[in-house]
Protein backbone atom coordinates (compact mmCIF):
# COMPACT_ATOMS: atom_id res chain seq x y z
CA MET A 1 33.52 -103.08 97.74
CA ASP A 2 35.11 -99.72 97.43
CA PHE A 3 38.13 -98.60 95.33
CA LYS A 4 40.59 -98.75 98.28
CA THR A 5 39.66 -102.45 99.22
CA ALA A 6 39.97 -103.46 95.55
CA THR A 7 43.41 -101.82 95.07
CA ASP A 8 44.48 -103.21 98.46
CA ILE A 9 43.81 -106.72 97.14
CA LEU A 10 45.60 -105.99 93.83
CA SER A 11 48.70 -104.66 95.52
CA ARG A 12 49.12 -107.73 97.78
CA ARG A 13 52.27 -109.70 97.01
CA VAL A 14 53.65 -113.02 98.26
CA THR A 15 56.13 -112.33 101.11
CA ALA A 16 59.35 -114.13 102.05
CA ASP A 17 57.57 -115.18 105.17
CA GLU A 18 54.79 -116.87 103.14
CA ILE A 19 57.24 -118.57 100.85
CA ALA A 20 59.43 -119.85 103.77
CA ALA A 21 56.28 -121.15 105.66
CA ALA A 22 55.05 -123.00 102.36
CA ALA A 23 58.56 -124.40 101.73
CA GLY A 24 59.14 -125.42 105.31
CA VAL A 25 62.40 -123.48 105.48
CA SER A 26 63.61 -120.35 107.37
CA ILE A 27 63.07 -116.78 106.09
CA SER A 28 66.83 -116.58 106.13
CA SER A 29 67.11 -119.44 103.65
CA VAL A 30 64.68 -117.73 101.24
CA ALA A 31 66.61 -114.51 101.58
CA ARG A 32 69.94 -116.21 100.93
CA ALA A 33 68.54 -118.10 97.87
CA ARG A 34 67.46 -114.81 96.40
CA LEU A 35 71.02 -113.37 96.52
CA ASP A 36 73.34 -113.34 93.47
CA PRO A 37 74.85 -116.75 93.14
CA ALA A 38 78.31 -115.15 93.16
CA SER A 39 77.74 -113.84 96.76
CA SER A 40 79.44 -115.86 99.52
CA ALA A 41 76.18 -115.64 101.47
CA TYR A 42 74.13 -117.28 98.48
CA ARG A 43 72.45 -120.68 99.30
CA SER A 44 70.46 -122.89 96.91
CA PRO A 45 66.72 -122.46 96.91
CA PRO A 46 64.63 -125.22 98.65
CA ALA A 47 64.39 -128.46 96.70
CA ASN A 48 60.73 -127.96 96.05
CA TRP A 49 60.75 -124.29 95.23
CA GLU A 50 59.04 -124.63 91.88
CA THR A 51 55.99 -126.42 93.33
CA VAL A 52 55.75 -124.07 96.25
CA LEU A 53 55.88 -120.98 94.25
CA ALA A 54 53.41 -122.43 91.67
CA GLN A 55 50.97 -123.07 94.38
CA LEU A 56 51.27 -119.63 95.93
CA ALA A 57 50.86 -118.15 92.40
CA ARG A 58 47.76 -120.15 91.91
CA GLU A 59 46.33 -119.15 95.19
CA ARG A 60 46.94 -115.46 94.32
CA SER A 61 45.43 -115.87 90.94
CA GLU A 62 42.26 -117.41 92.38
CA GLU A 63 42.12 -114.37 94.71
CA PHE A 64 42.40 -112.08 91.80
CA GLY A 65 39.88 -113.90 89.77
CA GLU A 66 37.39 -113.63 92.70
CA LEU A 67 38.10 -109.93 92.91
CA ALA A 68 37.46 -109.58 89.18
CA GLU A 69 34.13 -111.40 89.55
CA GLN A 70 33.01 -109.21 92.46
CA LEU A 71 33.89 -105.99 90.71
CA GLU A 72 32.15 -107.05 87.49
CA GLN A 73 28.96 -108.16 89.53
CA GLN A 74 29.16 -104.86 91.43
CA LYS A 75 29.32 -102.89 88.16
CA LYS A 76 26.34 -104.72 86.63
CA ALA A 77 24.28 -104.21 89.81
CA SER A 78 24.99 -100.49 89.79
CA ARG A 79 23.50 -99.95 86.36
């Protein structure tokens, strides 16, 4: 693995598209739920938002853990 690949993985984020798909709502619903509650366009987040975001966070943390393992193994192998 090279530096660019490793930093590309680290810079990935969860997108509104991914959140919407995981929650079973539209991207517009996610965008509106992120607005200031004082805004007239604000809408409540999906009912299961905590569970959905926790799962997405766990998936991403697993991906980062795998990256850390690969990089550590690569470092050991290069010695």
